[in-house]
Every structure is written in C-alpha cells, then in structure tokens.
Amino acid sequence: MRLVQVAQRADDPERAAAFYSTLLGTEPTAVFDPPGLLFFDLDGVRLLLDRGAPTSLIYLQVDDVDAALARLGERAEVVSPPHVIFTHGDDALGPAGHDEWQTFVRDSEGNTVGLVAFRPRP
C-alpha cells in the first residue's frame, strides 16, 4: 500500500496556487476550475487543493526550514518558529544522527502546514 493523494482546503485556487508554487518551487501539474481543483506532484504523491476539502495538517520535507520560510516571506504566517522536535538515534523515524527541525505556517487558505528538515547533529 502506498499513499496516493492528500487534500487541503483551498477557498481561492488561484491564491493557493501562488502560495504552493512558491513553497514547492514548481507550478501545479493540473488545474480544473471549475470546480476549483489544483494538483501538485510531491514525488509521486498528489497534493490536491480543493474548495470542497476540509482543512488538514500536512507535513512537507524541505531542505532547510529557514530557507523555506525566507522563500515564503509575507505569504505565510509563522505559527511556530523553527525548532528541533526530535533527535534521531536510529533510522526508525528519520536518518540516524540527525536532528529533525520543524516549523509550522498557515497557508493562504488557513491550513496549517508543517515544514520538516533533517540536519546532521553537531
């Protein structure tokens, strides 16, 4: 079994497209408006932004949480600043010997998005 798609609420698909294009560094792979659907490819998993979807909390891996926040600039409200959430002693949940950094932002549609990066432990 593998994850195929995650949906996020998007009241304004054009505004959501601008936010996620900036965050992900890529344009949507498909847009259907009406009815207000847009898709991004996340390494084979579809991110669906949909007027009819409920809000949800998704976590996206980025190379660097600070750089991702800088790239978003004023587009996102920081809910929780970057911080170490966990230190991985083994490979059960992430790469051994790395700190897991997370920050949380509110997207253009009011959804919370967790940004996650792994940094080698100093």
N, C-alpha and C. Protein backbone atom coordinates (compact mmCIF):
# COMPACT_ATOMS: atom_id res chain seq x y z
N MET A 1 0.85 -1.17 0.00
CA MET A 1 0.00 0.00 0.00
C MET A 1 0.90 1.24 0.00
N ARG A 2 0.45 2.27 -0.73
CA ARG A 2 1.22 3.49 -0.75
C ARG A 2 0.27 4.68 -0.78
N LEU A 3 0.67 5.77 -0.19
CA LEU A 3 -0.11 6.99 -0.18
C LEU A 3 -0.17 7.55 -1.60
N VAL A 4 -1.36 7.89 -2.08
CA VAL A 4 -1.56 8.38 -3.44
C VAL A 4 -1.84 9.87 -3.45
N GLN A 5 -2.67 10.36 -2.49
CA GLN A 5 -3.11 11.75 -2.56
C GLN A 5 -3.44 12.28 -1.17
N VAL A 6 -3.15 13.55 -0.97
CA VAL A 6 -3.52 14.29 0.24
C VAL A 6 -4.28 15.52 -0.23
N ALA A 7 -5.39 15.85 0.44
CA ALA A 7 -6.18 17.01 0.05
C ALA A 7 -6.11 18.08 1.12
N GLN A 8 -6.06 19.33 0.68
CA GLN A 8 -6.10 20.51 1.53
C GLN A 8 -7.23 21.40 1.04
N ARG A 9 -7.86 22.12 1.93
CA ARG A 9 -8.90 23.08 1.55
C ARG A 9 -8.25 24.28 0.86
N ALA A 10 -8.90 24.76 -0.18
CA ALA A 10 -8.44 25.95 -0.91
C ALA A 10 -9.66 26.75 -1.35
N ASP A 11 -10.01 27.77 -0.58
CA ASP A 11 -11.16 28.61 -0.93
C ASP A 11 -10.91 29.39 -2.22
N ASP A 12 -9.66 29.78 -2.44
CA ASP A 12 -9.29 30.56 -3.62
C ASP A 12 -8.17 29.81 -4.35
N PRO A 13 -8.50 29.00 -5.35
CA PRO A 13 -7.48 28.18 -6.02
C PRO A 13 -6.32 29.00 -6.61
N GLU A 14 -6.59 30.17 -7.13
CA GLU A 14 -5.52 30.99 -7.70
C GLU A 14 -4.54 31.44 -6.62
N ARG A 15 -5.07 31.88 -5.49
CA ARG A 15 -4.23 32.29 -4.36
C ARG A 15 -3.46 31.09 -3.82
N ALA A 16 -4.12 29.93 -3.71
CA ALA A 16 -3.46 28.72 -3.22
C ALA A 16 -2.35 28.28 -4.18
N ALA A 17 -2.61 28.41 -5.49
CA ALA A 17 -1.59 28.05 -6.49
C ALA A 17 -0.35 28.91 -6.31
N ALA A 18 -0.53 30.20 -6.06
CA ALA A 18 0.61 31.10 -5.86
C ALA A 18 1.40 30.70 -4.61
N PHE A 19 0.69 30.39 -3.50
CA PHE A 19 1.36 30.00 -2.26
C PHE A 19 2.17 28.72 -2.45
N TYR A 20 1.52 27.67 -2.94
CA TYR A 20 2.20 26.38 -3.06
C TYR A 20 3.25 26.37 -4.17
N SER A 21 3.07 27.16 -5.22
CA SER A 21 4.12 27.28 -6.25
C SER A 21 5.37 27.88 -5.64
N THR A 22 5.19 28.88 -4.77
CA THR A 22 6.34 29.50 -4.09
C THR A 22 6.99 28.52 -3.13
N LEU A 23 6.19 27.84 -2.32
CA LEU A 23 6.73 26.90 -1.34
C LEU A 23 7.45 25.74 -2.02
N LEU A 24 6.82 25.14 -3.03
CA LEU A 24 7.35 23.93 -3.64
C LEU A 24 8.32 24.19 -4.79
N GLY A 25 8.35 25.42 -5.28
CA GLY A 25 9.26 25.75 -6.38
C GLY A 25 8.85 25.14 -7.70
N THR A 26 7.56 24.90 -7.88
CA THR A 26 7.05 24.31 -9.11
C THR A 26 5.60 24.75 -9.31
N GLU A 27 5.16 24.69 -10.53
CA GLU A 27 3.78 25.04 -10.86
C GLU A 27 2.88 23.82 -10.69
N PRO A 28 1.56 24.02 -10.58
CA PRO A 28 0.65 22.88 -10.49
C PRO A 28 0.77 21.97 -11.71
N THR A 29 0.56 20.68 -11.48
CA THR A 29 0.58 19.72 -12.59
C THR A 29 -0.75 19.70 -13.32
N ALA A 30 -1.83 20.11 -12.65
CA ALA A 30 -3.16 20.16 -13.27
C ALA A 30 -4.04 21.14 -12.51
N VAL A 31 -4.89 21.85 -13.26
CA VAL A 31 -5.85 22.78 -12.68
C VAL A 31 -7.20 22.54 -13.35
N PHE A 32 -8.24 22.41 -12.53
CA PHE A 32 -9.60 22.24 -13.04
C PHE A 32 -10.49 23.25 -12.33
N ASP A 33 -10.77 24.36 -13.02
CA ASP A 33 -11.58 25.40 -12.43
C ASP A 33 -12.56 25.93 -13.45
N PRO A 34 -13.89 25.68 -13.37
CA PRO A 34 -14.47 24.95 -12.26
C PRO A 34 -14.12 23.46 -12.29
N PRO A 35 -14.21 22.79 -11.21
CA PRO A 35 -14.88 23.10 -9.95
C PRO A 35 -13.97 23.69 -8.86
N GLY A 36 -12.72 24.01 -9.15
CA GLY A 36 -11.83 24.55 -8.13
C GLY A 36 -10.88 23.53 -7.56
N LEU A 37 -10.20 22.80 -8.44
CA LEU A 37 -9.23 21.78 -8.04
C LEU A 37 -7.88 22.11 -8.65
N LEU A 38 -6.81 21.96 -7.88
CA LEU A 38 -5.48 22.01 -8.46
C LEU A 38 -4.60 20.99 -7.79
N PHE A 39 -3.66 20.46 -8.57
CA PHE A 39 -2.80 19.37 -8.13
C PHE A 39 -1.34 19.75 -8.25
N PHE A 40 -0.55 19.32 -7.26
CA PHE A 40 0.90 19.39 -7.31
C PHE A 40 1.43 17.98 -7.13
N ASP A 41 2.57 17.68 -7.74
CA ASP A 41 3.20 16.38 -7.60
C ASP A 41 4.27 16.47 -6.51
N LEU A 42 4.12 15.64 -5.49
CA LEU A 42 5.10 15.55 -4.40
C LEU A 42 5.78 14.19 -4.48
N ASP A 43 6.72 14.08 -5.41
CA ASP A 43 7.44 12.81 -5.60
C ASP A 43 6.49 11.63 -5.75
N GLY A 44 5.49 11.78 -6.60
CA GLY A 44 4.56 10.70 -6.88
C GLY A 44 3.30 10.69 -6.03
N VAL A 45 3.23 11.54 -5.03
CA VAL A 45 2.01 11.70 -4.23
C VAL A 45 1.35 13.00 -4.66
N ARG A 46 0.06 12.93 -4.98
CA ARG A 46 -0.64 14.14 -5.42
C ARG A 46 -1.07 14.96 -4.22
N LEU A 47 -0.77 16.26 -4.26
CA LEU A 47 -1.33 17.22 -3.32
C LEU A 47 -2.49 17.88 -4.04
N LEU A 48 -3.71 17.66 -3.56
CA LEU A 48 -4.92 18.21 -4.14
C LEU A 48 -5.35 19.40 -3.30
N LEU A 49 -5.50 20.55 -3.92
CA LEU A 49 -6.08 21.72 -3.28
C LEU A 49 -7.48 21.87 -3.84
N ASP A 50 -8.47 21.83 -2.94
CA ASP A 50 -9.86 21.65 -3.35
C ASP A 50 -10.78 22.54 -2.52
N ARG A 51 -11.65 23.28 -3.19
CA ARG A 51 -12.62 24.13 -2.48
C ARG A 51 -13.47 23.33 -1.51
N GLY A 52 -13.76 22.09 -1.83
CA GLY A 52 -14.65 21.28 -1.01
C GLY A 52 -13.97 20.45 0.06
N ALA A 53 -12.66 20.47 0.12
CA ALA A 53 -11.94 19.63 1.09
C ALA A 53 -11.95 20.27 2.48
N PRO A 54 -11.90 19.46 3.53
CA PRO A 54 -11.74 20.02 4.87
C PRO A 54 -10.29 20.47 5.06
N THR A 55 -10.05 21.29 6.08
CA THR A 55 -8.66 21.63 6.38
C THR A 55 -7.98 20.40 6.97
N SER A 56 -6.69 20.35 6.83
CA SER A 56 -5.92 19.25 7.39
C SER A 56 -4.53 19.77 7.73
N LEU A 57 -3.78 18.98 8.46
CA LEU A 57 -2.40 19.31 8.79
C LEU A 57 -1.51 18.36 8.02
N ILE A 58 -0.71 18.91 7.11
CA ILE A 58 0.23 18.08 6.36
C ILE A 58 1.65 18.52 6.72
N TYR A 59 2.57 17.60 6.59
CA TYR A 59 3.98 17.85 6.83
C TYR A 59 4.72 17.64 5.52
N LEU A 60 5.52 18.62 5.13
CA LEU A 60 6.29 18.55 3.90
C LEU A 60 7.77 18.64 4.23
N GLN A 61 8.56 17.72 3.68
CA GLN A 61 10.00 17.78 3.90
C GLN A 61 10.61 18.82 2.96
N VAL A 62 11.43 19.68 3.52
CA VAL A 62 12.16 20.70 2.77
C VAL A 62 13.64 20.52 3.09
N ASP A 63 14.51 21.11 2.25
CA ASP A 63 15.94 21.00 2.51
C ASP A 63 16.35 21.79 3.75
N ASP A 64 15.71 22.94 3.96
CA ASP A 64 16.09 23.84 5.05
C ASP A 64 14.86 24.63 5.46
N VAL A 65 14.43 24.50 6.72
CA VAL A 65 13.21 25.19 7.16
C VAL A 65 13.38 26.70 7.13
N ASP A 66 14.56 27.20 7.47
CA ASP A 66 14.79 28.65 7.45
C ASP A 66 14.72 29.20 6.03
N ALA A 67 15.31 28.50 5.08
CA ALA A 67 15.27 28.94 3.68
C ALA A 67 13.84 28.88 3.14
N ALA A 68 13.06 27.87 3.54
CA ALA A 68 11.67 27.77 3.09
C ALA A 68 10.86 28.94 3.62
N LEU A 69 11.08 29.31 4.88
CA LEU A 69 10.37 30.47 5.44
C LEU A 69 10.77 31.75 4.72
N ALA A 70 12.05 31.90 4.44
CA ALA A 70 12.51 33.09 3.73
C ALA A 70 11.89 33.17 2.34
N ARG A 71 11.79 32.04 1.66
CA ARG A 71 11.21 31.99 0.32
C ARG A 71 9.73 32.40 0.36
N LEU A 72 9.01 31.96 1.40
CA LEU A 72 7.60 32.29 1.52
C LEU A 72 7.37 33.76 1.89
N GLY A 73 8.30 34.31 2.65
CA GLY A 73 8.17 35.72 3.05
C GLY A 73 6.83 36.02 3.68
N GLU A 74 6.16 37.05 3.16
CA GLU A 74 4.89 37.50 3.71
C GLU A 74 3.71 36.61 3.30
N ARG A 75 3.94 35.62 2.46
CA ARG A 75 2.83 34.75 2.01
C ARG A 75 2.30 33.87 3.13
N ALA A 76 3.11 33.62 4.15
CA ALA A 76 2.70 32.68 5.20
C ALA A 76 2.86 33.30 6.58
N GLU A 77 1.92 32.98 7.44
CA GLU A 77 2.00 33.35 8.84
C GLU A 77 2.73 32.22 9.58
N VAL A 78 3.78 32.54 10.32
CA VAL A 78 4.50 31.54 11.09
C VAL A 78 3.70 31.25 12.36
N VAL A 79 3.27 30.00 12.51
CA VAL A 79 2.52 29.57 13.67
C VAL A 79 3.48 29.16 14.78
N SER A 80 4.56 28.50 14.40
CA SER A 80 5.59 28.04 15.34
C SER A 80 6.94 28.16 14.64
N PRO A 81 7.88 28.90 15.22
CA PRO A 81 9.18 29.09 14.56
C PRO A 81 9.98 27.79 14.50
N PRO A 82 11.01 27.76 13.65
CA PRO A 82 11.83 26.55 13.52
C PRO A 82 12.42 26.12 14.87
N HIS A 83 12.34 24.83 15.13
CA HIS A 83 12.90 24.28 16.36
C HIS A 83 13.17 22.79 16.15
N VAL A 84 14.04 22.26 16.99
CA VAL A 84 14.32 20.81 16.96
C VAL A 84 13.18 20.12 17.69
N ILE A 85 12.56 19.18 17.00
CA ILE A 85 11.44 18.45 17.57
C ILE A 85 11.89 17.08 18.08
N PHE A 86 12.98 16.55 17.47
CA PHE A 86 13.41 15.19 17.81
C PHE A 86 14.83 14.98 17.33
N THR A 87 15.59 14.21 18.09
CA THR A 87 16.92 13.78 17.68
C THR A 87 16.86 12.29 17.38
N HIS A 88 17.25 11.91 16.16
CA HIS A 88 17.13 10.53 15.72
C HIS A 88 18.38 9.74 16.10
N GLY A 89 18.20 8.79 17.01
CA GLY A 89 19.30 7.92 17.40
C GLY A 89 19.41 6.71 16.48
N ASP A 90 18.32 6.40 15.78
CA ASP A 90 18.33 5.29 14.82
C ASP A 90 17.51 5.72 13.60
N ASP A 91 17.32 4.82 12.66
CA ASP A 91 16.62 5.16 11.42
C ASP A 91 15.12 4.86 11.46
N ALA A 92 14.54 4.67 12.65
CA ALA A 92 13.13 4.28 12.74
C ALA A 92 12.19 5.35 12.17
N LEU A 93 12.45 6.62 12.45
CA LEU A 93 11.56 7.71 12.00
C LEU A 93 12.27 8.76 11.15
N GLY A 94 13.54 8.62 10.99
CA GLY A 94 14.33 9.57 10.21
C GLY A 94 15.77 9.13 10.23
N PRO A 95 16.64 9.87 9.56
CA PRO A 95 18.04 9.43 9.48
C PRO A 95 18.77 9.51 10.83
N ALA A 96 19.41 8.41 11.20
CA ALA A 96 20.16 8.36 12.45
C ALA A 96 21.23 9.45 12.46
N GLY A 97 21.44 10.03 13.64
CA GLY A 97 22.47 11.05 13.78
C GLY A 97 22.03 12.43 13.30
N HIS A 98 20.73 12.61 13.09
CA HIS A 98 20.22 13.90 12.62
C HIS A 98 19.19 14.46 13.60
N ASP A 99 19.15 15.78 13.67
CA ASP A 99 18.08 16.47 14.38
C ASP A 99 16.96 16.75 13.39
N GLU A 100 15.74 16.57 13.83
CA GLU A 100 14.58 16.90 13.00
C GLU A 100 14.07 18.28 13.39
N TRP A 101 14.17 19.19 12.43
CA TRP A 101 13.70 20.57 12.61
C TRP A 101 12.32 20.69 12.02
N GLN A 102 11.43 21.38 12.73
CA GLN A 102 10.09 21.64 12.21
C GLN A 102 9.72 23.10 12.44
N THR A 103 8.93 23.62 11.55
CA THR A 103 8.28 24.90 11.71
C THR A 103 6.88 24.74 11.15
N PHE A 104 5.96 25.52 11.66
CA PHE A 104 4.58 25.44 11.19
C PHE A 104 4.15 26.80 10.68
N VAL A 105 3.49 26.79 9.51
CA VAL A 105 2.99 28.02 8.91
C VAL A 105 1.51 27.84 8.57
N ARG A 106 0.83 28.96 8.47
CA ARG A 106 -0.54 28.94 7.98
C ARG A 106 -0.50 29.35 6.52
N ASP A 107 -1.07 28.53 5.65
CA ASP A 107 -1.03 28.83 4.22
C ASP A 107 -2.05 29.90 3.86
N SER A 108 -2.13 30.22 2.60
CA SER A 108 -3.02 31.28 2.13
C SER A 108 -4.49 30.98 2.35
N GLU A 109 -4.81 29.70 2.61
CA GLU A 109 -6.20 29.27 2.77
C GLU A 109 -6.58 28.97 4.22
N GLY A 110 -5.65 29.22 5.15
CA GLY A 110 -5.93 28.99 6.57
C GLY A 110 -5.54 27.62 7.08
N ASN A 111 -4.96 26.77 6.23
CA ASN A 111 -4.49 25.45 6.64
C ASN A 111 -3.13 25.58 7.32
N THR A 112 -2.87 24.72 8.29
CA THR A 112 -1.55 24.66 8.89
C THR A 112 -0.70 23.65 8.12
N VAL A 113 0.55 24.03 7.83
CA VAL A 113 1.48 23.17 7.11
C VAL A 113 2.75 23.07 7.96
N GLY A 114 3.15 21.84 8.24
CA GLY A 114 4.41 21.59 8.93
C GLY A 114 5.53 21.44 7.90
N LEU A 115 6.62 22.15 8.11
CA LEU A 115 7.80 22.03 7.25
C LEU A 115 8.87 21.31 8.07
N VAL A 116 9.45 20.27 7.50
CA VAL A 116 10.37 19.40 8.22
C VAL A 116 11.70 19.33 7.47
N ALA A 117 12.79 19.44 8.20
CA ALA A 117 14.13 19.26 7.61
C ALA A 117 14.98 18.44 8.58
N PHE A 118 15.89 17.68 8.02
CA PHE A 118 16.81 16.87 8.83
C PHE A 118 18.20 17.48 8.71
N ARG A 119 18.83 17.77 9.86
CA ARG A 119 20.18 18.33 9.88
C ARG A 119 21.08 17.39 10.68
N PRO A 120 22.28 17.12 10.16
CA PRO A 120 23.20 16.29 10.93
C PRO A 120 23.41 16.89 12.32
N ARG A 121 23.42 16.06 13.29
CA ARG A 121 23.63 16.50 14.67
C ARG A 121 25.05 17.05 14.81
N PRO A 122 25.20 18.21 15.43
CA PRO A 122 26.56 18.79 15.59
C PRO A 122 27.45 17.95 16.47
